Amino acid sequence: MKKEVCSVAFIKAVFAEFLATLIFVFFGLGSALKWPSALPSILQISLAFGLAIGTLVQALGPVSGGHINPAITLALLVGNQISLLRAAVYVVAQLVGAIAGAGILYGVAPVNARGNLAVNSLNNNTTSGQALVVEIILTFQLALCIFSSTDTRRTSPVGSPALSIGLSVTLGHFVGIYFTGCSMNPARSFGPAVIMNRFGPAHWVFWVGPIVGATLAAILYFYLLFPNSLSLSERVAVVKGTYELEEDWEVHREEPNKTMELTAH
């Protein structure tokens, strides 16, 4: 575990998660600003979030795995794909990146366009229970897309994982915006809430929903549909960060049947 933390690859990966989440939040929230001359459309916002994720997965995925989402990181931990330490540090980097991205956008956006900085909230008389179910389903489909499109064990053509993941995020927004503003990512919800100091009574939905949805997808994919052949001792080693392939993230990321190569939002 100590060797993993002290490696240059680990430091690069953590910085990549911070930077990717910062950029993602800046562009995603920026697309939803309420400009007086041109209010954003559902299509515009959905495409912006999807294109941002696709771009960042393509650009920084090889460095960190391109999680850009605490729910995905925790789901990969449950799926026995990354170490506990890596997951914890990634989540911190993602949350700090989200705050930084939202803060930069707040600073550059004119007051008359800033609005509430696209803070997630329940819309159209949606109850907390309904919102929770929606967020679970939205994040479930996203996580399932991520796991399947980036699984190096697959021999069939999968196309571009970055494009698939970006389209999955876009799909979620087409529906989710009407219910909750569409989170699917606790960091995306947390960043603007911190900057605007607007933590509504339903803020927990934007944590519990995505985490539960992604975790269910991980259990389904990694333990039921496509389980790997790791032994119990190997699984423990992965969680502890002492597994062989975690020693050099960059050298071994293309080997089959092991950890995920790319994951995202």
C-alpha atoms as a PDB file:
ATOM      1  CA  MET A   1       0.000   0.000   0.000  1.00  0.00           C
ATOM      2  CA  LYS A   2       2.820   2.387   0.853  1.00  0.00           C
ATOM      3  CA  LYS A   3       4.478   1.622  -2.472  1.00  0.00           C
ATOM      4  CA  GLU A   4       1.265   2.462  -4.299  1.00  0.00           C
ATOM      5  CA  VAL A   5       0.860   5.824  -2.571  1.00  0.00           C
ATOM      6  CA  CYS A   6       4.470   6.846  -3.125  1.00  0.00           C
ATOM      7  CA  SER A   7       4.497   5.992  -6.827  1.00  0.00           C
ATOM      8  CA  VAL A   8       4.539   8.728  -9.453  1.00  0.00           C
ATOM      9  CA  ALA A   9       1.697   6.955 -11.290  1.00  0.00           C
ATOM     10  CA  PHE A  10      -0.549   7.233  -8.220  1.00  0.00           C
ATOM     11  CA  ILE A  11       0.139  10.941  -7.799  1.00  0.00           C
ATOM     12  CA  LYS A  12      -0.594  11.539 -11.487  1.00  0.00           C
ATOM     13  CA  ALA A  13      -3.814   9.549 -11.200  1.00  0.00           C
ATOM     14  CA  VAL A  14      -5.074  11.545  -8.210  1.00  0.00           C
ATOM     15  CA  PHE A  15      -4.280  14.834  -9.932  1.00  0.00           C
ATOM     16  CA  ALA A  16      -6.042  13.612 -13.085  1.00  0.00           C
ATOM     17  CA  GLU A  17      -9.206  12.869 -11.075  1.00  0.00           C
ATOM     18  CA  PHE A  18      -9.083  16.330  -9.501  1.00  0.00           C
ATOM     19  CA  LEU A  19      -8.534  18.062 -12.849  1.00  0.00           C
ATOM     20  CA  ALA A  20     -11.104  15.993 -14.749  1.00  0.00           C
ATOM     21  CA  THR A  21     -13.820  16.638 -12.165  1.00  0.00           C
ATOM     22  CA  LEU A  22     -13.005  20.345 -12.104  1.00  0.00           C
ATOM     23  CA  ILE A  23     -13.361  20.605 -15.884  1.00  0.00           C
ATOM     24  CA  PHE A  24     -16.468  18.414 -15.954  1.00  0.00           C
ATOM     25  CA  VAL A  25     -18.273  20.504 -13.343  1.00  0.00           C
ATOM     26  CA  PHE A  26     -17.233  23.778 -14.986  1.00  0.00           C
ATOM     27  CA  PHE A  27     -18.573  22.806 -18.405  1.00  0.00           C
ATOM     28  CA  GLY A  28     -21.611  20.928 -17.131  1.00  0.00           C
ATOM     29  CA  LEU A  29     -22.831  23.658 -14.815  1.00  0.00           C
ATOM     30  CA  GLY A  30     -21.762  26.305 -17.309  1.00  0.00           C
ATOM     31  CA  SER A  31     -24.151  24.873 -19.890  1.00  0.00           C
ATOM     32  CA  ALA A  32     -27.048  25.391 -17.460  1.00  0.00           C
ATOM     33  CA  LEU A  33     -26.434  29.055 -16.640  1.00  0.00           C
ATOM     34  CA  LYS A  34     -29.534  31.192 -17.125  1.00  0.00           C
ATOM     35  CA  TRP A  35     -28.384  33.755 -19.657  1.00  0.00           C
ATOM     36  CA  PRO A  36     -31.119  36.415 -20.071  1.00  0.00           C
ATOM     37  CA  SER A  37     -30.667  36.439 -23.850  1.00  0.00           C
ATOM     38  CA  ALA A  38     -30.790  32.655 -24.301  1.00  0.00           C
ATOM     39  CA  LEU A  39     -32.052  30.259 -21.627  1.00  0.00           C
ATOM     40  CA  PRO A  40     -30.495  26.789 -21.920  1.00  0.00           C
ATOM     41  CA  SER A  41     -32.497  23.905 -23.368  1.00  0.00           C
ATOM     42  CA  ILE A  42     -32.666  20.322 -22.078  1.00  0.00           C
ATOM     43  CA  LEU A  43     -30.848  19.184 -25.225  1.00  0.00           C
ATOM     44  CA  GLN A  44     -28.047  21.690 -24.717  1.00  0.00           C
ATOM     45  CA  ILE A  45     -27.460  20.742 -21.089  1.00  0.00           C
ATOM     46  CA  SER A  46     -27.655  17.003 -21.773  1.00  0.00           C
ATOM     47  CA  LEU A  47     -25.179  17.168 -24.632  1.00  0.00           C
ATOM     48  CA  ALA A  48     -22.811  19.389 -22.654  1.00  0.00           C
ATOM     49  CA  PHE A  49     -22.600  16.939 -19.742  1.00  0.00           C
ATOM     50  CA  GLY A  50     -22.233  13.985 -22.105  1.00  0.00           C
ATOM     51  CA  LEU A  51     -19.603  15.630 -24.300  1.00  0.00           C
ATOM     52  CA  ALA A  52     -17.650  16.760 -21.237  1.00  0.00           C
ATOM     53  CA  ILE A  53     -17.479  13.230 -19.863  1.00  0.00           C
ATOM     54  CA  GLY A  54     -16.612  11.688 -23.221  1.00  0.00           C
ATOM     55  CA  THR A  55     -13.839  14.219 -23.785  1.00  0.00           C
ATOM     56  CA  LEU A  56     -12.349  13.774 -20.322  1.00  0.00           C
ATOM     57  CA  VAL A  57     -12.477   9.975 -20.421  1.00  0.00           C
ATOM     58  CA  GLN A  58     -10.662  10.072 -23.745  1.00  0.00           C
ATOM     59  CA  ALA A  59      -8.069  12.564 -22.492  1.00  0.00           C
ATOM     60  CA  LEU A  60      -7.394  11.481 -18.905  1.00  0.00           C
ATOM     61  CA  GLY A  61      -8.815   7.971 -18.688  1.00  0.00           C
ATOM     62  CA  PRO A  62      -5.444   6.302 -19.357  1.00  0.00           C
ATOM     63  CA  VAL A  63      -3.927   8.210 -16.423  1.00  0.00           C
ATOM     64  CA  SER A  64      -6.416   7.516 -13.633  1.00  0.00           C
ATOM     65  CA  GLY A  65      -9.149   5.358 -15.101  1.00  0.00           C
ATOM     66  CA  GLY A  66     -11.282   8.475 -15.585  1.00  0.00           C
ATOM     67  CA  HIS A  67     -13.766   7.839 -12.781  1.00  0.00           C
ATOM     68  CA  ILE A  68     -14.750  11.523 -12.315  1.00  0.00           C
ATOM     69  CA  ASN A  69     -17.514  10.328 -10.005  1.00  0.00           C
ATOM     70  CA  PRO A  70     -17.402   9.137  -6.367  1.00  0.00           C
ATOM     71  CA  ALA A  71     -20.280   6.719  -7.048  1.00  0.00           C
ATOM     72  CA  ILE A  72     -18.289   4.982  -9.801  1.00  0.00           C
ATOM     73  CA  THR A  73     -15.154   4.880  -7.663  1.00  0.00           C
ATOM     74  CA  LEU A  74     -17.007   3.290  -4.738  1.00  0.00           C
ATOM     75  CA  ALA A  75     -18.743   0.845  -7.085  1.00  0.00           C
ATOM     76  CA  LEU A  76     -15.362  -0.254  -8.474  1.00  0.00           C
ATOM     77  CA  LEU A  77     -14.198  -0.803  -4.912  1.00  0.00           C
ATOM     78  CA  VAL A  78     -17.232  -3.006  -4.279  1.00  0.00           C
ATOM     79  CA  GLY A  79     -16.512  -4.774  -7.562  1.00  0.00           C
ATOM     80  CA  ASN A  80     -12.974  -5.509  -6.357  1.00  0.00           C
ATOM     81  CA  GLN A  81     -11.343  -3.462  -9.104  1.00  0.00           C
ATOM     82  CA  ILE A  82      -9.338  -0.911  -7.089  1.00  0.00           C
ATOM     83  CA  SER A  83      -7.788  -0.629  -3.653  1.00  0.00           C
ATOM     84  CA  LEU A  84      -9.487   0.951  -0.652  1.00  0.00           C
ATOM     85  CA  LEU A  85      -6.798   3.609  -0.395  1.00  0.00           C
ATOM     86  CA  ARG A  86      -7.030   4.544  -4.077  1.00  0.00           C
ATOM     87  CA  ALA A  87     -10.806   4.785  -3.796  1.00  0.00           C
ATOM     88  CA  ALA A  88     -10.646   7.039  -0.724  1.00  0.00           C
ATOM     89  CA  VAL A  89      -8.085   9.406  -2.228  1.00  0.00           C
ATOM     90  CA  TYR A  90      -9.924   9.500  -5.555  1.00  0.00           C
ATOM     91  CA  VAL A  91     -13.183  10.506  -3.856  1.00  0.00           C
ATOM     92  CA  VAL A  92     -11.463  13.340  -1.990  1.00  0.00           C
ATOM     93  CA  ALA A  93      -9.808  14.549  -5.209  1.00  0.00           C
ATOM     94  CA  GLN A  94     -13.135  14.431  -7.049  1.00  0.00           C
ATOM     95  CA  LEU A  95     -14.980  16.412  -4.380  1.00  0.00           C
ATOM     96  CA  VAL A  96     -12.252  19.046  -4.179  1.00  0.00           C
ATOM     97  CA  GLY A  97     -12.172  19.251  -7.970  1.00  0.00           C
ATOM     98  CA  ALA A  98     -15.942  19.729  -8.086  1.00  0.00           C
ATOM     99  CA  ILE A  99     -15.770  22.576  -5.562  1.00  0.00           C
ATOM    100  CA  ALA A 100     -12.944  24.184  -7.524  1.00  0.00           C
ATOM    101  CA  GLY A 101     -14.815  23.874 -10.825  1.00  0.00           C
ATOM    102  CA  ALA A 102     -17.996  25.339  -9.372  1.00  0.00           C
ATOM    103  CA  GLY A 103     -16.001  28.091  -7.678  1.00  0.00           C
ATOM    104  CA  ILE A 104     -14.276  29.118 -10.896  1.00  0.00           C
ATOM    105  CA  LEU A 105     -17.594  29.187 -12.743  1.00  0.00           C
ATOM    106  CA  TYR A 106     -19.131  31.295  -9.960  1.00  0.00           C
ATOM    107  CA  GLY A 107     -16.264  33.749 -10.260  1.00  0.00           C
ATOM    108  CA  VAL A 108     -16.451  34.189 -14.046  1.00  0.00           C
ATOM    109  CA  ALA A 109     -20.245  34.048 -14.527  1.00  0.00           C
ATOM    110  CA  PRO A 110     -22.082  37.409 -14.567  1.00  0.00           C
ATOM    111  CA  VAL A 111     -24.465  37.890 -11.673  1.00  0.00           C
ATOM    112  CA  ASN A 112     -27.497  38.045 -13.945  1.00  0.00           C
ATOM    113  CA  ALA A 113     -26.670  34.650 -15.467  1.00  0.00           C
ATOM    114  CA  ARG A 114     -25.346  32.843 -12.409  1.00  0.00           C
ATOM    115  CA  GLY A 115     -28.696  31.857 -10.931  1.00  0.00           C
ATOM    116  CA  ASN A 116     -28.295  29.061  -8.394  1.00  0.00           C
ATOM    117  CA  LEU A 117     -25.339  27.620 -10.318  1.00  0.00           C
ATOM    118  CA  ALA A 118     -27.449  24.613 -11.370  1.00  0.00           C
ATOM    119  CA  VAL A 119     -27.656  23.196  -7.841  1.00  0.00           C
ATOM    120  CA  ASN A 120     -29.576  19.925  -7.964  1.00  0.00           C
ATOM    121  CA  SER A 121     -33.086  20.054  -6.506  1.00  0.00           C
ATOM    122  CA  LEU A 122     -36.379  18.204  -6.779  1.00  0.00           C
ATOM    123  CA  ASN A 123     -38.501  19.464  -9.668  1.00  0.00           C
ATOM    124  CA  ASN A 124     -42.118  19.135 -10.817  1.00  0.00           C
ATOM    125  CA  ASN A 125     -43.473  18.012  -7.432  1.00  0.00           C
ATOM    126  CA  THR A 126     -41.106  15.036  -7.332  1.00  0.00           C
ATOM    127  CA  THR A 127     -40.917  13.484  -3.855  1.00  0.00           C
ATOM    128  CA  SER A 128     -37.677  12.383  -2.205  1.00  0.00           C
ATOM    129  CA  GLY A 129     -38.633   8.737  -2.671  1.00  0.00           C
ATOM    130  CA  GLN A 130     -39.365   9.199  -6.354  1.00  0.00           C
ATOM    131  CA  ALA A 131     -36.145  11.148  -6.844  1.00  0.00           C
ATOM    132  CA  LEU A 132     -34.149   8.421  -5.107  1.00  0.00           C
ATOM    133  CA  VAL A 133     -35.501   5.724  -7.422  1.00  0.00           C
ATOM    134  CA  VAL A 134     -34.822   7.881 -10.485  1.00  0.00           C
ATOM    135  CA  GLU A 135     -31.233   8.576  -9.446  1.00  0.00           C
ATOM    136  CA  ILE A 136     -30.661   4.880  -8.755  1.00  0.00           C
ATOM    137  CA  ILE A 137     -31.896   3.906 -12.225  1.00  0.00           C
ATOM    138  CA  LEU A 138     -30.014   6.698 -13.996  1.00  0.00           C
ATOM    139  CA  THR A 139     -26.715   5.835 -12.325  1.00  0.00           C
ATOM    140  CA  PHE A 140     -27.288   2.088 -12.701  1.00  0.00           C
ATOM    141  CA  GLN A 141     -27.435   2.359 -16.488  1.00  0.00           C
ATOM    142  CA  LEU A 142     -24.398   4.641 -16.535  1.00  0.00           C
ATOM    143  CA  ALA A 143     -22.300   2.329 -14.357  1.00  0.00           C
ATOM    144  CA  LEU A 144     -23.330  -0.736 -16.341  1.00  0.00           C
ATOM    145  CA  CYS A 145     -22.277   1.020 -19.545  1.00  0.00           C
ATOM    146  CA  ILE A 146     -18.935   1.965 -18.001  1.00  0.00           C
ATOM    147  CA  PHE A 147     -18.151  -1.516 -16.737  1.00  0.00           C
ATOM    148  CA  SER A 148     -19.084  -3.287 -19.961  1.00  0.00           C
ATOM    149  CA  SER A 149     -17.502  -0.835 -22.400  1.00  0.00           C
ATOM    150  CA  THR A 150     -14.170  -0.768 -20.533  1.00  0.00           C
ATOM    151  CA  ASP A 151     -13.867  -4.438 -19.618  1.00  0.00           C
ATOM    152  CA  THR A 152     -10.587  -5.659 -21.141  1.00  0.00           C
ATOM    153  CA  ARG A 153     -11.864  -9.241 -20.999  1.00  0.00           C
ATOM    154  CA  ARG A 154     -14.319  -8.579 -23.801  1.00  0.00           C
ATOM    155  CA  THR A 155     -13.268  -9.926 -27.181  1.00  0.00           C
ATOM    156  CA  SER A 156     -16.196  -8.553 -29.185  1.00  0.00           C
ATOM    157  CA  PRO A 157     -15.872  -5.035 -30.687  1.00  0.00           C
ATOM    158  CA  VAL A 158     -16.993  -2.412 -28.194  1.00  0.00           C
ATOM    159  CA  GLY A 159     -16.310   0.734 -30.208  1.00  0.00           C
ATOM    160  CA  SER A 160     -15.189   3.820 -28.306  1.00  0.00           C
ATOM    161  CA  PRO A 161     -15.689   3.565 -24.532  1.00  0.00           C
ATOM    162  CA  ALA A 162     -15.451   7.353 -24.236  1.00  0.00           C
ATOM    163  CA  LEU A 163     -18.259   7.827 -26.753  1.00  0.00           C
ATOM    164  CA  SER A 164     -20.426   5.140 -25.137  1.00  0.00           C
ATOM    165  CA  ILE A 165     -20.004   6.641 -21.689  1.00  0.00           C
ATOM    166  CA  GLY A 166     -20.673  10.159 -22.944  1.00  0.00           C
ATOM    167  CA  LEU A 167     -23.883   9.024 -24.627  1.00  0.00           C
ATOM    168  CA  SER A 168     -24.926   7.213 -21.441  1.00  0.00           C
ATOM    169  CA  VAL A 169     -24.545  10.443 -19.461  1.00  0.00           C
ATOM    170  CA  THR A 170     -26.520  12.307 -22.118  1.00  0.00           C
ATOM    171  CA  LEU A 171     -29.274   9.689 -21.969  1.00  0.00           C
ATOM    172  CA  GLY A 172     -29.553  10.077 -18.204  1.00  0.00           C
ATOM    173  CA  HIS A 173     -29.907  13.831 -18.491  1.00  0.00           C
ATOM    174  CA  PHE A 174     -32.674  13.611 -21.083  1.00  0.00           C
ATOM    175  CA  VAL A 175     -34.867  12.060 -18.388  1.00  0.00           C
ATOM    176  CA  GLY A 176     -33.296  13.043 -15.084  1.00  0.00           C
ATOM    177  CA  ILE A 177     -33.350  16.801 -15.559  1.00  0.00           C
ATOM    178  CA  TYR A 178     -37.135  16.839 -15.221  1.00  0.00           C
ATOM    179  CA  PHE A 179     -37.003  15.026 -11.866  1.00  0.00           C
ATOM    180  CA  THR A 180     -33.868  16.162 -10.045  1.00  0.00           C
ATOM    181  CA  GLY A 181     -31.815  18.243 -12.447  1.00  0.00           C
ATOM    182  CA  CYS A 182     -29.982  14.935 -12.961  1.00  0.00           C
ATOM    183  CA  SER A 183     -27.062  14.212 -10.685  1.00  0.00           C
ATOM    184  CA  MET A 184     -25.773  10.646 -11.244  1.00  0.00           C
ATOM    185  CA  ASN A 185     -22.657  11.993  -9.546  1.00  0.00           C
ATOM    186  CA  PRO A 186     -22.345  13.137  -5.912  1.00  0.00           C
ATOM    187  CA  ALA A 187     -19.428  15.426  -6.795  1.00  0.00           C
ATOM    188  CA  ARG A 188     -21.501  17.240  -9.423  1.00  0.00           C
ATOM    189  CA  SER A 189     -24.149  17.931  -6.753  1.00  0.00           C
ATOM    190  CA  PHE A 190     -21.732  18.687  -3.936  1.00  0.00           C
ATOM    191  CA  GLY A 191     -19.564  21.277  -5.717  1.00  0.00           C
ATOM    192  CA  PRO A 192     -22.217  23.903  -6.502  1.00  0.00           C
ATOM    193  CA  ALA A 193     -24.023  23.238  -3.208  1.00  0.00           C
ATOM    194  CA  VAL A 194     -20.844  24.183  -1.330  1.00  0.00           C
ATOM    195  CA  ILE A 195     -20.198  27.302  -3.397  1.00  0.00           C
ATOM    196  CA  MET A 196     -23.812  28.492  -3.171  1.00  0.00           C
ATOM    197  CA  ASN A 197     -24.266  27.179   0.391  1.00  0.00           C
ATOM    198  CA  ARG A 198     -27.525  25.545  -0.679  1.00  0.00           C
ATOM    199  CA  PHE A 199     -27.913  22.140   0.922  1.00  0.00           C
ATOM    200  CA  GLY A 200     -31.600  21.384   0.649  1.00  0.00           C
ATOM    201  CA  PRO A 201     -33.388  18.743   2.734  1.00  0.00           C
ATOM    202  CA  ALA A 202     -33.206  16.351  -0.241  1.00  0.00           C
ATOM    203  CA  HIS A 203     -29.460  16.748  -0.825  1.00  0.00           C
ATOM    204  CA  TRP A 204     -28.928  13.233   0.524  1.00  0.00           C
ATOM    205  CA  VAL A 205     -30.753  11.868  -2.531  1.00  0.00           C
ATOM    206  CA  PHE A 206     -27.873  12.997  -4.741  1.00  0.00           C
ATOM    207  CA  TRP A 207     -25.462  10.891  -2.710  1.00  0.00           C
ATOM    208  CA  VAL A 208     -27.502   7.830  -1.835  1.00  0.00           C
ATOM    209  CA  GLY A 209     -29.158   7.422  -5.247  1.00  0.00           C
ATOM    210  CA  PRO A 210     -25.994   7.415  -7.389  1.00  0.00           C
ATOM    211  CA  ILE A 211     -23.985   5.332  -4.920  1.00  0.00           C
ATOM    212  CA  VAL A 212     -26.709   2.684  -4.602  1.00  0.00           C
ATOM    213  CA  GLY A 213     -27.295   2.610  -8.361  1.00  0.00           C
ATOM    214  CA  ALA A 214     -23.609   2.231  -9.215  1.00  0.00           C
ATOM    215  CA  THR A 215     -23.071  -0.346  -6.457  1.00  0.00           C
ATOM    216  CA  LEU A 216     -25.969  -2.491  -7.689  1.00  0.00           C
ATOM    217  CA  ALA A 217     -24.503  -2.352 -11.196  1.00  0.00           C
ATOM    218  CA  ALA A 218     -21.101  -3.434  -9.862  1.00  0.00           C
ATOM    219  CA  ILE A 219     -22.571  -6.394  -7.978  1.00  0.00           C
ATOM    220  CA  LEU A 220     -24.564  -7.453 -11.025  1.00  0.00           C
ATOM    221  CA  TYR A 221     -21.675  -7.101 -13.463  1.00  0.00           C
ATOM    222  CA  PHE A 222     -18.632  -8.244 -11.469  1.00  0.00           C
ATOM    223  CA  TYR A 223     -20.215 -10.999  -9.383  1.00  0.00           C
ATOM    224  CA  LEU A 224     -23.183 -12.319 -11.382  1.00  0.00           C
ATOM    225  CA  LEU A 225     -22.865 -11.613 -15.108  1.00  0.00           C
ATOM    226  CA  PHE A 226     -19.099 -11.517 -15.627  1.00  0.00           C
ATOM    227  CA  PRO A 227     -17.268 -12.644 -12.481  1.00  0.00           C
ATOM    228  CA  ASN A 228     -13.465 -12.785 -12.622  1.00  0.00           C
ATOM    229  CA  SER A 229     -11.327 -15.712 -11.546  1.00  0.00           C
ATOM    230  CA  LEU A 230      -9.451 -14.071  -8.682  1.00  0.00           C
ATOM    231  CA  SER A 231      -9.040 -16.085  -5.509  1.00  0.00           C
ATOM    232  CA  LEU A 232     -10.049 -14.761  -2.107  1.00  0.00           C
ATOM    233  CA  SER A 233      -6.442 -13.881  -1.238  1.00  0.00           C
ATOM    234  CA  GLU A 234      -6.072 -12.022  -4.531  1.00  0.00           C
ATOM    235  CA  ARG A 235      -9.280 -10.098  -3.910  1.00  0.00           C
ATOM    236  CA  VAL A 236      -8.021  -9.073  -0.476  1.00  0.00           C
ATOM    237  CA  ALA A 237      -4.727  -8.009  -2.051  1.00  0.00           C
ATOM    238  CA  VAL A 238      -6.581  -5.795  -4.537  1.00  0.00           C
ATOM    239  CA  VAL A 239      -8.443  -4.042  -1.713  1.00  0.00           C
ATOM    240  CA  LYS A 240      -5.220  -3.615   0.277  1.00  0.00           C
ATOM    241  CA  GLY A 241      -3.358  -2.265  -2.751  1.00  0.00           C
ATOM    242  CA  THR A 242      -0.751  -5.012  -2.737  1.00  0.00           C
ATOM    243  CA  TYR A 243      -2.013  -6.881  -5.775  1.00  0.00           C
ATOM    244  CA  GLU A 244       0.636  -7.191  -8.496  1.00  0.00           C
ATOM    245  CA  LEU A 245      -1.191  -5.184 -11.153  1.00  0.00           C
ATOM    246  CA  GLU A 246      -1.761  -2.254  -8.815  1.00  0.00           C
ATOM    247  CA  GLU A 247       1.984  -1.755  -8.392  1.00  0.00           C
ATOM    248  CA  ASP A 248       2.319  -0.094 -11.794  1.00  0.00           C
ATOM    249  CA  TRP A 249      -0.965   1.298 -13.043  1.00  0.00           C
ATOM    250  CA  GLU A 250       0.425   2.414 -16.384  1.00  0.00           C
ATOM    251  CA  VAL A 251       2.467  -0.652 -17.344  1.00  0.00           C
ATOM    252  CA  HIS A 252      -0.248  -3.221 -16.605  1.00  0.00           C
ATOM    253  CA  ARG A 253      -3.461  -1.432 -17.467  1.00  0.00           C
ATOM    254  CA  GLU A 254      -3.848  -3.261 -20.803  1.00  0.00           C
ATOM    255  CA  GLU A 255      -3.527  -6.811 -19.448  1.00  0.00           C
ATOM    256  CA  PRO A 256      -6.762  -8.860 -19.724  1.00  0.00           C
ATOM    257  CA  ASN A 257      -8.879 -10.286 -16.921  1.00  0.00           C
ATOM    258  CA  LYS A 258      -7.700  -7.736 -14.369  1.00  0.00           C
ATOM    259  CA  THR A 259      -8.565  -4.215 -13.286  1.00  0.00           C
ATOM    260  CA  MET A 260     -10.593  -1.872 -15.447  1.00  0.00           C
ATOM    261  CA  GLU A 261      -8.723   0.220 -17.998  1.00  0.00           C
ATOM    262  CA  LEU A 262     -11.136   3.112 -18.245  1.00  0.00           C
ATOM    263  CA  THR A 263     -14.004   4.163 -16.068  1.00  0.00           C
ATOM    264  CA  ALA A 264     -15.899   7.391 -15.816  1.00  0.00           C
ATOM    265  CA  HIS A 265     -18.805   9.824 -14.505  1.00  0.00           C
END
